[in-house]
């Protein structure tokens, strides 16, 4: 049980990181473009 409980969080963390990383990169890119456009529109 200790082995399975040790493997499950590790796999779920890697899956969560793999899912979150492109989303965060896209959000950062969109946020930077939004700030850039807001500055240029002023």
C-alpha atoms as a PDB file:
ATOM      1  CA  UNK A   1       0.000   0.000   0.000  1.00  0.00           C
ATOM      2  CA  UNK A   2       2.891   2.367   0.659  1.00  0.00           C
ATOM      3  CA  UNK A   3       4.244   1.714  -2.836  1.00  0.00           C
ATOM      4  CA  UNK A   4       0.879   2.368  -4.511  1.00  0.00           C
ATOM      5  CA  UNK A   5       0.226   5.463  -2.395  1.00  0.00           C
ATOM      6  CA  UNK A   6       3.710   6.679  -3.344  1.00  0.00           C
ATOM      7  CA  UNK A   7       3.146   6.102  -7.062  1.00  0.00           C
ATOM      8  CA  UNK A   8      -0.332   7.634  -7.356  1.00  0.00           C
ATOM      9  CA  UNK A   9       0.495  11.210  -6.224  1.00  0.00           C
ATOM     10  CA  UNK A  10       3.649  11.200  -8.347  1.00  0.00           C
ATOM     11  CA  UNK A  11       1.714  10.199 -11.488  1.00  0.00           C
ATOM     12  CA  UNK A  12      -1.109  12.632 -10.750  1.00  0.00           C
ATOM     13  CA  UNK A  13       1.374  15.464 -10.184  1.00  0.00           C
ATOM     14  CA  UNK A  14       3.145  14.809 -13.482  1.00  0.00           C
ATOM     15  CA  UNK A  15      -0.206  14.615 -15.284  1.00  0.00           C
ATOM     16  CA  UNK A  16      -1.367  17.840 -13.634  1.00  0.00           C
ATOM     17  CA  UNK A  17       1.890  19.591 -14.553  1.00  0.00           C
ATOM     18  CA  UNK A  18       1.622  18.347 -18.138  1.00  0.00           C
ATOM     19  CA  UNK A  19      -1.970  19.624 -18.298  1.00  0.00           C
ATOM     20  CA  UNK A  20      -1.286  22.947 -16.582  1.00  0.00           C
ATOM     21  CA  UNK A  21       1.962  23.968 -18.285  1.00  0.00           C
ATOM     22  CA  UNK A  22       0.522  24.712 -21.787  1.00  0.00           C
ATOM     23  CA  UNK A  23      -2.482  26.425 -20.178  1.00  0.00           C
ATOM     24  CA  UNK A  24      -0.296  28.673 -18.028  1.00  0.00           C
ATOM     25  CA  UNK A  25       1.976  29.450 -20.984  1.00  0.00           C
ATOM     26  CA  UNK A  26      -1.064  30.397 -23.061  1.00  0.00           C
ATOM     27  CA  UNK A  27      -2.473  32.512 -20.219  1.00  0.00           C
ATOM     28  CA  UNK A  28       0.868  34.285 -19.754  1.00  0.00           C
ATOM     29  CA  UNK A  29       1.086  34.956 -23.499  1.00  0.00           C
ATOM     30  CA  UNK A  30      -2.511  36.222 -23.627  1.00  0.00           C
ATOM     31  CA  UNK A  31      -1.994  38.375 -20.527  1.00  0.00           C
ATOM     32  CA  UNK A  32       1.157  39.942 -21.963  1.00  0.00           C
ATOM     33  CA  UNK A  33      -0.620  40.656 -25.260  1.00  0.00           C
ATOM     34  CA  UNK A  34      -3.562  42.162 -23.342  1.00  0.00           C
ATOM     35  CA  UNK A  35      -1.267  44.456 -21.330  1.00  0.00           C
ATOM     36  CA  UNK A  36       0.639  45.391 -24.489  1.00  0.00           C
ATOM     37  CA  UNK A  37      -2.551  46.289 -26.358  1.00  0.00           C
ATOM     38  CA  UNK A  38      -3.873  48.228 -23.358  1.00  0.00           C
ATOM     39  CA  UNK A  39      -0.668  50.278 -23.207  1.00  0.00           C
ATOM     40  CA  UNK A  40      -0.692  50.939 -26.968  1.00  0.00           C
ATOM     41  CA  UNK A  41      -4.384  51.919 -26.946  1.00  0.00           C
ATOM     42  CA  UNK A  42      -3.741  54.609 -24.356  1.00  0.00           C
END
